[in-house]
Structure formats: C-alpha cells, structure tokens
C-alpha cells in the first residue's frame, strides 16, 4: 500500500478551512436556515467572548 499523504502548510490549511466554512455558511443562508443578520450577530458574540477571554 502506497502512503499518499501530503504535507501542507499552515497557510494552505487555513485557506482550506476558510473555503469550507464559507461554503457551509452560504448553504445555510441559501436554504433559509440562517440569515446574514443572524450570522453577523453570532460572529460579533463570538468575537466578544474571545476578546473578553484575552483580557
């Protein structure tokens, strides 16, 4: 059996995660499961939580 694993950089991994996340968000919005406003509200809430944890 041939091992076909590839090494990826952190940048490549980050970019791949970003693309996958964007695709999921678009699907949720397009299907009416989530609105743009709800997404932004949650992003702000998460940012606030992380910001408070840093302090």
N, C-alpha and C. Protein backbone atom coordinates (compact mmCIF):
# COMPACT_ATOMS: atom_id res chain seq x y z
N UNK A 1 0.84 -1.18 0.00
CA UNK A 1 0.00 0.00 0.00
C UNK A 1 0.89 1.25 0.00
N UNK A 2 0.59 2.19 -0.88
CA UNK A 2 1.37 3.41 -1.00
C UNK A 2 0.75 4.50 -0.13
N UNK A 3 1.58 5.15 0.67
CA UNK A 3 1.12 6.25 1.52
C UNK A 3 1.12 7.52 0.68
N UNK A 4 -0.06 8.09 0.44
CA UNK A 4 -0.17 9.27 -0.42
C UNK A 4 -0.42 10.53 0.38
N UNK A 5 -0.08 10.53 1.66
CA UNK A 5 -0.26 11.74 2.47
C UNK A 5 0.65 12.84 1.98
N UNK A 6 0.14 14.06 2.03
CA UNK A 6 0.92 15.22 1.64
C UNK A 6 1.06 16.15 2.83
N UNK A 7 2.17 16.81 2.88
CA UNK A 7 2.37 17.83 3.89
C UNK A 7 1.82 19.13 3.35
N UNK A 8 1.04 19.82 4.19
CA UNK A 8 0.51 21.12 3.79
C UNK A 8 1.00 22.17 4.77
N UNK A 9 1.06 23.39 4.30
CA UNK A 9 1.48 24.48 5.17
C UNK A 9 0.29 24.94 6.01
N UNK A 10 0.58 25.69 7.08
CA UNK A 10 -0.49 26.26 7.89
C UNK A 10 -1.35 27.20 7.06
N UNK A 11 -0.72 27.90 6.14
CA UNK A 11 -1.46 28.82 5.27
C UNK A 11 -2.44 28.05 4.39
N UNK A 12 -1.99 26.95 3.81
CA UNK A 12 -2.86 26.13 2.97
C UNK A 12 -4.01 25.53 3.79
N UNK A 13 -3.71 25.08 4.97
CA UNK A 13 -4.73 24.51 5.85
C UNK A 13 -5.75 25.58 6.24
N UNK A 14 -5.26 26.76 6.58
CA UNK A 14 -6.13 27.87 6.95
C UNK A 14 -7.03 28.25 5.78
N UNK A 15 -6.47 28.34 4.59
CA UNK A 15 -7.23 28.70 3.41
C UNK A 15 -8.30 27.65 3.11
N UNK A 16 -7.95 26.38 3.23
CA UNK A 16 -8.90 25.30 3.01
C UNK A 16 -10.05 25.38 4.01
N UNK A 17 -9.74 25.62 5.27
CA UNK A 17 -10.78 25.76 6.29
C UNK A 17 -11.68 26.95 6.00
N UNK A 18 -11.09 28.05 5.55
CA UNK A 18 -11.86 29.24 5.22
C UNK A 18 -12.85 28.96 4.09
N UNK A 19 -12.40 28.29 3.06
CA UNK A 19 -13.25 27.97 1.91
C UNK A 19 -14.40 27.05 2.33
N UNK A 20 -14.09 26.03 3.14
CA UNK A 20 -15.12 25.11 3.60
C UNK A 20 -16.15 25.83 4.48
N UNK A 21 -15.68 26.71 5.35
CA UNK A 21 -16.58 27.46 6.21
C UNK A 21 -17.47 28.38 5.38
N UNK A 22 -16.91 29.04 4.41
CA UNK A 22 -17.69 29.92 3.54
C UNK A 22 -18.76 29.13 2.78
N UNK A 23 -18.41 27.95 2.30
CA UNK A 23 -19.38 27.12 1.58
C UNK A 23 -20.52 26.71 2.50
N UNK A 24 -20.21 26.32 3.73
CA UNK A 24 -21.25 25.93 4.69
C UNK A 24 -22.17 27.10 5.02
N UNK A 25 -21.60 28.26 5.24
CA UNK A 25 -22.39 29.45 5.55
C UNK A 25 -23.31 29.78 4.38
N UNK A 26 -22.79 29.73 3.18
CA UNK A 26 -23.62 30.03 2.00
C UNK A 26 -24.78 29.05 1.88
N UNK A 27 -24.51 27.77 2.12
CA UNK A 27 -25.58 26.78 2.07
C UNK A 27 -26.66 27.07 3.10
N UNK A 28 -26.25 27.36 4.33
CA UNK A 28 -27.21 27.65 5.39
C UNK A 28 -28.05 28.87 5.07
N UNK A 29 -27.42 29.90 4.53
CA UNK A 29 -28.16 31.12 4.17
C UNK A 29 -29.07 30.85 2.98
N UNK A 30 -28.57 30.19 1.95
CA UNK A 30 -29.37 29.92 0.75
C UNK A 30 -30.58 29.03 1.04
N UNK A 31 -30.44 28.13 2.01
CA UNK A 31 -31.54 27.25 2.38
C UNK A 31 -32.49 27.90 3.38
N UNK A 32 -32.18 29.12 3.79
CA UNK A 32 -33.05 29.82 4.72
C UNK A 32 -32.94 29.35 6.16
N UNK A 33 -31.92 28.60 6.46
CA UNK A 33 -31.71 28.09 7.82
C UNK A 33 -31.12 29.18 8.69
N UNK A 34 -30.38 30.07 8.08
CA UNK A 34 -29.66 31.13 8.76
C UNK A 34 -29.74 32.38 7.91
N UNK A 35 -29.92 33.53 8.55
CA UNK A 35 -29.91 34.78 7.79
C UNK A 35 -28.54 35.44 7.94
N UNK A 36 -28.25 36.35 7.04
CA UNK A 36 -26.99 37.10 7.11
C UNK A 36 -26.89 37.85 8.43
N UNK A 37 -28.02 38.40 8.87
CA UNK A 37 -28.04 39.15 10.12
C UNK A 37 -27.74 38.25 11.32
N UNK A 38 -28.32 37.04 11.32
CA UNK A 38 -28.06 36.08 12.41
C UNK A 38 -26.58 35.69 12.44
N UNK A 39 -26.03 35.49 11.26
CA UNK A 39 -24.61 35.15 11.17
C UNK A 39 -23.75 36.26 11.76
N UNK A 40 -24.00 37.49 11.34
CA UNK A 40 -23.21 38.61 11.84
C UNK A 40 -23.37 38.78 13.35
N UNK A 41 -24.57 38.56 13.85
CA UNK A 41 -24.82 38.65 15.28
C UNK A 41 -23.98 37.62 16.04
N UNK A 42 -23.94 36.41 15.52
CA UNK A 42 -23.17 35.36 16.18
C UNK A 42 -21.66 35.60 16.08
N UNK A 43 -21.22 36.11 14.93
CA UNK A 43 -19.80 36.43 14.77
C UNK A 43 -19.39 37.47 15.81
N UNK A 44 -20.21 38.50 15.96
CA UNK A 44 -19.90 39.54 16.97
C UNK A 44 -19.89 38.96 18.37
N UNK A 45 -20.83 38.07 18.68
CA UNK A 45 -20.90 37.46 20.00
C UNK A 45 -19.65 36.61 20.28
N UNK A 46 -19.22 35.86 19.29
CA UNK A 46 -18.02 35.03 19.46
C UNK A 46 -16.79 35.90 19.60
N UNK A 47 -16.70 36.97 18.79
CA UNK A 47 -15.56 37.89 18.89
C UNK A 47 -15.51 38.50 20.28
N UNK A 48 -16.65 38.90 20.81
CA UNK A 48 -16.71 39.49 22.13
C UNK A 48 -16.25 38.49 23.19
N UNK A 49 -16.70 37.25 23.09
CA UNK A 49 -16.29 36.22 24.04
C UNK A 49 -14.78 36.02 24.02
N UNK A 50 -14.21 35.90 22.83
CA UNK A 50 -12.75 35.70 22.70
C UNK A 50 -12.01 36.92 23.23
N UNK A 51 -12.52 38.10 22.93
CA UNK A 51 -11.88 39.33 23.40
C UNK A 51 -11.88 39.40 24.92
N UNK A 52 -12.99 39.02 25.53
CA UNK A 52 -13.09 39.04 26.99
C UNK A 52 -12.16 38.00 27.62
N UNK A 53 -11.99 36.87 26.97
CA UNK A 53 -11.10 35.82 27.49
C UNK A 53 -9.64 36.26 27.44
N UNK A 54 -9.28 37.07 26.45
CA UNK A 54 -7.91 37.55 26.32
C UNK A 54 -7.55 38.54 27.43
N UNK A 55 -8.56 39.27 27.90
CA UNK A 55 -8.32 40.33 28.90
C UNK A 55 -8.03 39.77 30.26
